PDB file of N, CA and C in Angstrom:
ATOM      1  N   MET A   1       0.691 -10.658   5.628  1.00  0.00           N
ATOM      2  CA  MET A   1       0.590  -9.267   5.066  1.00  0.00           C
ATOM      3  C   MET A   1       1.353  -8.364   4.325  1.00  0.00           C
ATOM      4  N   GLN A   2       2.656  -8.588   4.776  1.00  0.00           N
ATOM      5  CA  GLN A   2       3.893  -8.296   4.280  1.00  0.00           C
ATOM      6  C   GLN A   2       4.194  -8.474   3.093  1.00  0.00           C
ATOM      7  N   SER A   3       4.126 -10.107   3.246  1.00  0.00           N
ATOM      8  CA  SER A   3       4.460 -10.871   2.061  1.00  0.00           C
ATOM      9  C   SER A   3       3.993 -10.576   0.652  1.00  0.00           C
ATOM     10  N   LEU A   4       2.586  -9.562   1.115  1.00  0.00           N
ATOM     11  CA  LEU A   4       1.593  -9.499  -0.276  1.00  0.00           C
ATOM     12  C   LEU A   4       1.703  -8.240  -0.498  1.00  0.00           C
ATOM     13  N   GLY A   5       2.713  -7.473   0.105  1.00  0.00           N
ATOM     14  CA  GLY A   5       3.290  -6.090   0.071  1.00  0.00           C
ATOM     15  C   GLY A   5       2.400  -5.226   0.310  1.00  0.00           C
ATOM     16  N   CYS A   6       2.093  -5.308   1.453  1.00  0.00           N
ATOM     17  CA  CYS A   6       0.987  -4.196   2.321  1.00  0.00           C
ATOM     18  C   CYS A   6       2.197  -3.679   3.482  1.00  0.00           C
ATOM     19  N   GLU A   7       1.682  -2.638   3.440  1.00  0.00           N
ATOM     20  CA  GLU A   7       2.307  -1.564   4.787  1.00  0.00           C
ATOM     21  C   GLU A   7       2.095  -2.308   5.911  1.00  0.00           C
ATOM     22  N   VAL A   8       2.971  -3.029   6.775  1.00  0.00           N
ATOM     23  CA  VAL A   8       2.192  -2.943   8.307  1.00  0.00           C
ATOM     24  C   VAL A   8       3.070  -2.840   9.236  1.00  0.00           C
ATOM     25  N   ALA A   9       2.337  -2.290  10.392  1.00  0.00           N
ATOM     26  CA  ALA A   9       3.067  -1.864  11.766  1.00  0.00           C
ATOM     27  C   ALA A   9       2.442  -2.870  12.609  1.00  0.00           C
ATOM     28  N   ALA A  10       2.683  -3.328  13.425  1.00  0.00           N
ATOM     29  CA  ALA A  10       2.413  -4.417  14.758  1.00  0.00           C
ATOM     30  C   ALA A  10       2.520  -3.761  15.767  1.00  0.00           C
ATOM     31  N   LEU A  11       1.208  -3.992  16.407  1.00  0.00           N
ATOM     32  CA  LEU A  11       0.869  -3.534  17.635  1.00  0.00           C
ATOM     33  C   LEU A  11       0.585  -4.614  18.456  1.00  0.00           C
ATOM     34  N   ASN A  12       1.277  -5.280  19.610  1.00  0.00           N
ATOM     35  CA  ASN A  12       0.943  -6.456  20.286  1.00  0.00           C
ATOM     36  C   ASN A  12      -0.075  -6.394  21.279  1.00  0.00           C
ATOM     37  N   THR A  13      -0.895  -6.564  21.784  1.00  0.00           N
ATOM     38  CA  THR A  13      -1.875  -6.202  22.585  1.00  0.00           C
ATOM     39  C   THR A  13      -1.804  -7.025  24.034  1.00  0.00           C
ATOM     40  N   VAL A  14      -1.451  -8.166  23.528  1.00  0.00           N
ATOM     41  CA  VAL A  14      -0.800  -9.466  24.060  1.00  0.00           C
ATOM     42  C   VAL A  14       0.498  -9.978  23.628  1.00  0.00           C
ATOM     43  N   GLN A  15       1.421 -10.837  24.217  1.00  0.00           N
ATOM     44  CA  GLN A  15       2.687 -11.083  24.294  1.00  0.00           C
ATOM     45  C   GLN A  15       2.720 -12.731  24.792  1.00  0.00           C
ATOM     46  N   TYR A  16       1.680 -13.722  24.177  1.00  0.00           N
ATOM     47  CA  TYR A  16       1.770 -14.826  25.073  1.00  0.00           C
ATOM     48  C   TYR A  16       2.493 -16.221  24.760  1.00  0.00           C
ATOM     49  N   SER A  17       3.205 -16.881  25.105  1.00  0.00           N
ATOM     50  CA  SER A  17       3.908 -18.037  24.774  1.00  0.00           C
ATOM     51  C   SER A  17       3.489 -19.061  23.813  1.00  0.00           C
ATOM     52  N   ASN A  18       1.535 -19.157  24.027  1.00  0.00           N
ATOM     53  CA  ASN A  18       1.171 -20.040  23.435  1.00  0.00           C
ATOM     54  C   ASN A  18      -0.501 -19.502  23.616  1.00  0.00           C
ATOM     55  N   HIS A  19      -1.400 -20.514  22.953  1.00  0.00           N
ATOM     56  CA  HIS A  19      -3.070 -19.561  22.964  1.00  0.00           C
ATOM     57  C   HIS A  19      -3.337 -20.256  24.770  1.00  0.00           C
ATOM     58  N   THR A  20      -3.995 -19.682  25.091  1.00  0.00           N
ATOM     59  CA  THR A  20      -4.524 -19.840  26.653  1.00  0.00           C
ATOM     60  C   THR A  20      -5.679 -20.945  26.982  1.00  0.00           C
ATOM     61  N   GLY A  21      -6.251 -21.715  25.700  1.00  0.00           N
ATOM     62  CA  GLY A  21      -6.263 -22.625  26.003  1.00  0.00           C
ATOM     63  C   GLY A  21      -5.513 -23.570  26.089  1.00  0.00           C
ATOM     64  N   TYR A  22      -4.656 -23.853  26.413  1.00  0.00           N
ATOM     65  CA  TYR A  22      -3.597 -24.922  26.644  1.00  0.00           C
ATOM     66  C   TYR A  22      -4.023 -24.709  28.433  1.00  0.00           C
ATOM     67  N   ASP A  23      -3.549 -25.987  28.762  1.00  0.00           N
ATOM     68  CA  ASP A  23      -3.295 -25.614  30.236  1.00  0.00           C
ATOM     69  C   ASP A  23      -2.126 -24.902  31.231  1.00  0.00           C
ATOM     70  N   GLN A  24      -1.473 -23.922  30.396  1.00  0.00           N
ATOM     71  CA  GLN A  24      -0.571 -23.303  31.069  1.00  0.00           C
ATOM     72  C   GLN A  24      -0.375 -22.470  29.650  1.00  0.00           C
ATOM     73  N   PHE A  25       0.068 -20.744  30.332  1.00  0.00           N
ATOM     74  CA  PHE A  25       0.599 -20.053  29.457  1.00  0.00           C
ATOM     75  C   PHE A  25       1.518 -19.179  30.144  1.00  0.00           C
ATOM     76  N   ARG A  26       2.051 -18.064  29.558  1.00  0.00           N
ATOM     77  CA  ARG A  26       3.031 -17.336  29.868  1.00  0.00           C
ATOM     78  C   ARG A  26       2.813 -16.241  29.161  1.00  0.00           C
ATOM     79  N   GLY A  27       3.550 -14.988  29.923  1.00  0.00           N
ATOM     80  CA  GLY A  27       3.383 -13.695  28.979  1.00  0.00           C
ATOM     81  C   GLY A  27       2.617 -12.836  29.861  1.00  0.00           C
ATOM     82  N   PHE A  28       1.958 -11.846  29.175  1.00  0.00           N
ATOM     83  CA  PHE A  28       1.416 -10.206  29.750  1.00  0.00           C
ATOM     84  C   PHE A  28       0.471  -9.867  28.560  1.00  0.00           C
ATOM     85  N   LYS A  29      -0.296  -8.974  29.026  1.00  0.00           N
ATOM     86  CA  LYS A  29      -1.104  -8.018  28.498  1.00  0.00           C
ATOM     87  C   LYS A  29      -0.417  -6.662  28.776  1.00  0.00           C
ATOM     88  N   THR A  30      -0.950  -6.236  27.127  1.00  0.00           N
ATOM     89  CA  THR A  30      -0.481  -4.650  26.920  1.00  0.00           C
ATOM     90  C   THR A  30      -1.656  -3.404  27.540  1.00  0.00           C
ATOM     91  N   SER A  31      -1.268  -3.204  28.473  1.00  0.00           N
ATOM     92  CA  SER A  31      -2.385  -2.204  28.862  1.00  0.00           C
ATOM     93  C   SER A  31      -2.683  -1.032  27.877  1.00  0.00           C
ATOM     94  N   ALA A  32      -4.174  -0.777  28.553  1.00  0.00           N
ATOM     95  CA  ALA A  32      -4.788   0.680  27.222  1.00  0.00           C
ATOM     96  C   ALA A  32      -3.545   1.528  27.375  1.00  0.00           C
ATOM     97  N   ASP A  33      -2.580   2.228  28.142  1.00  0.00           N
ATOM     98  CA  ASP A  33      -1.785   2.954  28.053  1.00  0.00           C
ATOM     99  C   ASP A  33      -0.939   2.851  27.591  1.00  0.00           C
ATOM    100  N   GLN A  34      -0.443   1.660  27.226  1.00  0.00           N
ATOM    101  CA  GLN A  34       1.413   1.539  26.599  1.00  0.00           C
ATOM    102  C   GLN A  34       0.337   1.192  24.935  1.00  0.00           C
ATOM    103  N   ILE A  35      -0.412   0.550  24.646  1.00  0.00           N
ATOM    104  CA  ILE A  35      -1.240   0.865  23.689  1.00  0.00           C
ATOM    105  C   ILE A  35      -1.301   2.245  23.049  1.00  0.00           C
ATOM    106  N   ARG A  36      -2.069   3.383  23.713  1.00  0.00           N
ATOM    107  CA  ARG A  36      -2.043   4.603  23.403  1.00  0.00           C
ATOM    108  C   ARG A  36      -0.787   5.424  23.151  1.00  0.00           C
ATOM    109  N   ASP A  37       0.141   4.882  23.714  1.00  0.00           N
ATOM    110  CA  ASP A  37       1.553   5.581  23.993  1.00  0.00           C
ATOM    111  C   ASP A  37       2.168   4.905  22.185  1.00  0.00           C
ATOM    112  N   ILE A  38       2.093   3.580  22.480  1.00  0.00           N
ATOM    113  CA  ILE A  38       2.929   3.050  21.016  1.00  0.00           C
ATOM    114  C   ILE A  38       2.404   3.442  19.292  1.00  0.00           C
ATOM    115  N   TYR A  39       0.795   3.836  19.642  1.00  0.00           N
ATOM    116  CA  TYR A  39      -0.101   4.917  18.632  1.00  0.00           C
ATOM    117  C   TYR A  39       0.691   5.659  18.538  1.00  0.00           C
ATOM    118  N   ARG A  40       0.663   6.857  19.616  1.00  0.00           N
ATOM    119  CA  ARG A  40       1.569   7.991  20.112  1.00  0.00           C
ATOM    120  C   ARG A  40       3.081   8.031  19.212  1.00  0.00           C
ATOM    121  N   GLY A  41       3.213   7.328  19.400  1.00  0.00           N
ATOM    122  CA  GLY A  41       4.956   7.319  18.263  1.00  0.00           C
ATOM    123  C   GLY A  41       4.765   6.981  17.241  1.00  0.00           C
ATOM    124  N   LEU A  42       3.690   6.165  16.712  1.00  0.00           N
ATOM    125  CA  LEU A  42       3.545   5.597  15.450  1.00  0.00           C
ATOM    126  C   LEU A  42       3.390   7.454  14.619  1.00  0.00           C
ATOM    127  N   LYS A  43       2.431   8.119  15.505  1.00  0.00           N
ATOM    128  CA  LYS A  43       1.995   8.925  15.135  1.00  0.00           C
ATOM    129  C   LYS A  43       2.811  10.333  14.585  1.00  0.00           C
ATOM    130  N   GLN A  44       4.054  10.587  15.623  1.00  0.00           N
ATOM    131  CA  GLN A  44       4.532  11.060  15.706  1.00  0.00           C
ATOM    132  C   GLN A  44       5.974  11.199  15.058  1.00  0.00           C
ATOM    133  N   SER A  45       5.648   9.829  14.699  1.00  0.00           N
ATOM    134  CA  SER A  45       7.015   9.263  13.306  1.00  0.00           C
ATOM    135  C   SER A  45       6.050   9.535  11.888  1.00  0.00           C
ATOM    136  N   PHE A  46       4.927  10.075  11.976  1.00  0.00           N
ATOM    137  CA  PHE A  46       4.348  10.209  10.620  1.00  0.00           C
ATOM    138  C   PHE A  46       4.382   8.369   9.765  1.00  0.00           C
ATOM    139  N   LEU A  47       3.744   7.468  11.016  1.00  0.00           N
ATOM    140  CA  LEU A  47       3.676   6.147  10.617  1.00  0.00           C
ATOM    141  C   LEU A  47       2.436   5.751  10.425  1.00  0.00           C
ATOM    142  N   ASN A  48       1.121   7.146  10.872  1.00  0.00           N
ATOM    143  CA  ASN A  48       0.310   6.415  10.887  1.00  0.00           C
ATOM    144  C   ASN A  48      -0.604   6.421   9.654  1.00  0.00           C
ATOM    145  N   ASP A  49      -0.300   6.164   8.236  1.00  0.00           N
ATOM    146  CA  ASP A  49      -0.994   6.339   7.361  1.00  0.00           C
ATOM    147  C   ASP A  49      -1.533   5.016   6.539  1.00  0.00           C
ATOM    148  N   PHE A  50      -2.405   4.210   7.137  1.00  0.00           N
ATOM    149  CA  PHE A  50      -2.969   3.061   7.081  1.00  0.00           C
ATOM    150  C   PHE A  50      -4.250   3.485   6.498  1.00  0.00           C
ATOM    151  N   ASP A  51      -4.840   2.152   5.558  1.00  0.00           N
ATOM    152  CA  ASP A  51      -5.958   1.874   5.115  1.00  0.00           C
ATOM    153  C   ASP A  51      -6.911   1.335   5.513  1.00  0.00           C
ATOM    154  N   VAL A  52      -6.377   0.175   6.561  1.00  0.00           N
ATOM    155  CA  VAL A  52      -7.109  -1.279   7.393  1.00  0.00           C
ATOM    156  C   VAL A  52      -6.288  -0.894   8.501  1.00  0.00           C
ATOM    157  N   MET A  53      -7.274  -1.238   9.393  1.00  0.00           N
ATOM    158  CA  MET A  53      -6.572  -1.600  10.966  1.00  0.00           C
ATOM    159  C   MET A  53      -7.208  -3.192  11.137  1.00  0.00           C
ATOM    160  N   LEU A  54      -6.730  -3.962  11.499  1.00  0.00           N
ATOM    161  CA  LEU A  54      -6.729  -5.457  11.677  1.00  0.00           C
ATOM    162  C   LEU A  54      -6.493  -5.674  13.022  1.00  0.00           C
ATOM    163  N   SER A  55      -7.632  -6.139  14.218  1.00  0.00           N
ATOM    164  CA  SER A  55      -7.502  -6.095  15.221  1.00  0.00           C
ATOM    165  C   SER A  55      -7.950  -7.739  15.749  1.00  0.00           C
ATOM    166  N   GLY A  56      -7.812  -8.533  17.046  1.00  0.00           N
ATOM    167  CA  GLY A  56      -7.746  -9.490  17.132  1.00  0.00           C
ATOM    168  C   GLY A  56      -7.624  -9.345  18.550  1.00  0.00           C
ATOM    169  N   TYR A  57      -7.441 -10.490  19.643  1.00  0.00           N
ATOM    170  CA  TYR A  57      -7.667 -10.254  20.638  1.00  0.00           C
ATOM    171  C   TYR A  57      -6.824  -9.261  21.414  1.00  0.00           C
ATOM    172  N   ILE A  58      -8.073  -8.531  22.293  1.00  0.00           N
ATOM    173  CA  ILE A  58      -7.833  -7.184  22.737  1.00  0.00           C
ATOM    174  C   ILE A  58      -8.080  -7.555  24.513  1.00  0.00           C
ATOM    175  N   PRO A  59      -7.503  -7.193  25.065  1.00  0.00           N
ATOM    176  CA  PRO A  59      -7.191  -8.129  26.869  1.00  0.00           C
ATOM    177  C   PRO A  59      -8.331  -6.781  27.870  1.00  0.00           C
ATOM    178  N   GLY A  60      -9.555  -6.554  27.432  1.00  0.00           N
ATOM    179  CA  GLY A  60      -9.980  -5.791  28.586  1.00  0.00           C
ATOM    180  C   GLY A  60     -10.428  -4.800  27.786  1.00  0.00           C
ATOM    181  N   ALA A  61     -11.625  -4.256  28.496  1.00  0.00           N
ATOM    182  CA  ALA A  61     -12.651  -3.000  27.740  1.00  0.00           C
ATOM    183  C   ALA A  61     -11.664  -1.848  27.398  1.00  0.00           C
ATOM    184  N   GLU A  62     -10.691  -1.426  28.540  1.00  0.00           N
ATOM    185  CA  GLU A  62     -10.184  -0.616  28.167  1.00  0.00           C
ATOM    186  C   GLU A  62      -8.981  -0.584  27.130  1.00  0.00           C
ATOM    187  N   ALA A  63      -8.940  -1.425  27.066  1.00  0.00           N
ATOM    188  CA  ALA A  63      -7.954  -1.551  26.025  1.00  0.00           C
ATOM    189  C   ALA A  63      -8.606  -2.124  24.696  1.00  0.00           C
ATOM    190  N   VAL A  64      -9.964  -2.097  24.746  1.00  0.00           N
ATOM    191  CA  VAL A  64     -10.803  -1.919  23.005  1.00  0.00           C
ATOM    192  C   VAL A  64     -10.912  -0.643  23.184  1.00  0.00           C
ATOM    193  N   GLU A  65     -11.597   0.449  24.284  1.00  0.00           N
ATOM    194  CA  GLU A  65     -11.664   1.310  24.033  1.00  0.00           C
ATOM    195  C   GLU A  65     -10.479   1.770  23.274  1.00  0.00           C
ATOM    196  N   ALA A  66      -9.572   2.021  23.703  1.00  0.00           N
ATOM    197  CA  ALA A  66      -8.402   2.297  23.097  1.00  0.00           C
ATOM    198  C   ALA A  66      -7.724   2.436  21.937  1.00  0.00           C
ATOM    199  N   ALA A  67      -8.451   0.884  21.159  1.00  0.00           N
ATOM    200  CA  ALA A  67      -7.789   0.387  20.138  1.00  0.00           C
ATOM    201  C   ALA A  67      -9.044   1.320  19.468  1.00  0.00           C
ATOM    202  N   GLY A  68     -10.038   1.667  19.874  1.00  0.00           N
ATOM    203  CA  GLY A  68     -11.605   2.108  19.002  1.00  0.00           C
ATOM    204  C   GLY A  68     -11.237   3.612  18.478  1.00  0.00           C
ATOM    205  N   ARG A  69     -10.622   4.350  19.625  1.00  0.00           N
ATOM    206  CA  ARG A  69      -9.991   6.062  19.311  1.00  0.00           C
ATOM    207  C   ARG A  69      -9.193   5.826  18.371  1.00  0.00           C
ATOM    208  N   ILE A  70      -8.364   4.525  18.814  1.00  0.00           N
ATOM    209  CA  ILE A  70      -6.967   4.565  17.284  1.00  0.00           C
ATOM    210  C   ILE A  70      -7.892   4.306  15.784  1.00  0.00           C
ATOM    211  N   ALA A  71      -8.958   3.542  15.884  1.00  0.00           N
ATOM    212  CA  ALA A  71      -9.420   3.389  14.677  1.00  0.00           C
ATOM    213  C   ALA A  71     -10.132   5.103  14.328  1.00  0.00           C
ATOM    214  N   GLU A  72     -10.378   5.602  15.301  1.00  0.00           N
ATOM    215  CA  GLU A  72     -11.223   7.108  14.899  1.00  0.00           C
ATOM    216  C   GLU A  72     -10.595   7.490  14.584  1.00  0.00           C
ATOM    217  N   ASP A  73      -9.632   7.942  15.103  1.00  0.00           N
ATOM    218  CA  ASP A  73      -8.081   8.728  14.604  1.00  0.00           C
ATOM    219  C   ASP A  73      -7.714   8.897  13.423  1.00  0.00           C
ATOM    220  N   LEU A  74      -7.527   7.265  12.993  1.00  0.00           N
ATOM    221  CA  LEU A  74      -6.986   6.372  11.486  1.00  0.00           C
ATOM    222  C   LEU A  74      -8.078   7.188  10.422  1.00  0.00           C
ATOM    223  N   SER A  75      -9.495   6.740  11.218  1.00  0.00           N
ATOM    224  CA  SER A  75     -10.398   7.153  10.288  1.00  0.00           C
ATOM    225  C   SER A  75     -10.341   8.740  10.096  1.00  0.00           C
ATOM    226  N   ARG A  76     -10.741   9.476  10.900  1.00  0.00           N
ATOM    227  CA  ARG A  76     -10.544  10.872  10.547  1.00  0.00           C
ATOM    228  C   ARG A  76      -9.571  11.607   9.830  1.00  0.00           C
ATOM    229  N   GLU A  77      -8.660  10.639   9.682  1.00  0.00           N
ATOM    230  CA  GLU A  77      -7.191  11.431   9.326  1.00  0.00           C
ATOM    231  C   GLU A  77      -6.793  10.525   7.758  1.00  0.00           C
ATOM    232  N   ALA A  78      -7.558   9.852   7.834  1.00  0.00           N
ATOM    233  CA  ALA A  78      -7.594   8.833   6.228  1.00  0.00           C
ATOM    234  C   ALA A  78      -7.689   9.945   4.819  1.00  0.00           C
ATOM    235  N   THR A  79      -6.695   9.752   4.086  1.00  0.00           N
ATOM    236  CA  THR A  79      -6.025  10.653   3.382  1.00  0.00           C
ATOM    237  C   THR A  79      -7.398  10.729   2.275  1.00  0.00           C
ATOM    238  N   GLU A  80      -8.181   9.848   2.134  1.00  0.00           N
ATOM    239  CA  GLU A  80      -9.496   9.965   1.064  1.00  0.00           C
ATOM    240  C   GLU A  80     -10.974   9.295   1.914  1.00  0.00           C
ATOM    241  N   PRO A  81     -11.945  10.098   1.531  1.00  0.00           N
ATOM    242  CA  PRO A  81     -12.836  10.059   2.869  1.00  0.00           C
ATOM    243  C   PRO A  81     -13.666   8.650   2.090  1.00  0.00           C
ATOM    244  N   GLY A  82     -13.465   7.577   3.013  1.00  0.00           N
ATOM    245  CA  GLY A  82     -14.141   6.518   3.434  1.00  0.00           C
ATOM    246  C   GLY A  82     -13.256   5.450   2.831  1.00  0.00           C
ATOM    247  N   SER A  83     -11.845   5.567   3.018  1.00  0.00           N
ATOM    248  CA  SER A  83     -10.638   4.586   2.337  1.00  0.00           C
ATOM    249  C   SER A  83     -10.324   4.374   3.740  1.00  0.00           C
ATOM    250  N   PHE A  84     -10.707   3.967   4.933  1.00  0.00           N
ATOM    251  CA  PHE A  84     -10.276   3.549   6.176  1.00  0.00           C
ATOM    252  C   PHE A  84     -11.121   2.373   6.764  1.00  0.00           C
ATOM    253  N   PHE A  85     -10.707   1.031   6.739  1.00  0.00           N
ATOM    254  CA  PHE A  85     -11.596   0.419   7.332  1.00  0.00           C
ATOM    255  C   PHE A  85     -11.343  -0.624   8.461  1.00  0.00           C
ATOM    256  N   TRP A  86     -12.277  -0.813   9.410  1.00  0.00           N
ATOM    257  CA  TRP A  86     -11.222  -1.472  10.543  1.00  0.00           C
ATOM    258  C   TRP A  86     -12.112  -2.764  11.033  1.00  0.00           C
ATOM    259  N   GLY A  87     -11.401  -4.057  10.834  1.00  0.00           N
ATOM    260  CA  GLY A  87     -12.020  -5.289  11.117  1.00  0.00           C
ATOM    261  C   GLY A  87     -11.587  -6.031  11.547  1.00  0.00           C
TER     262      GLY A  87
END
């Protein structure tokens, strides 16, 4: 996305060595609290003016809820009504 000229802020929800479909993998899941804290840091630094939020694998219901709350916040604070999309 960056190579297409889009502003990007990555918020990793997992950091794995490889796909979990392999016989083994190493790494960790980011907790819902950590996800919220990273977003708070972006927001406090005024780095939260996004038009799109893309999400992939999110590890667990609490983390999904945290991502949903972030999407709600981004939508509410969008500079133009209807200009924010979460996919």
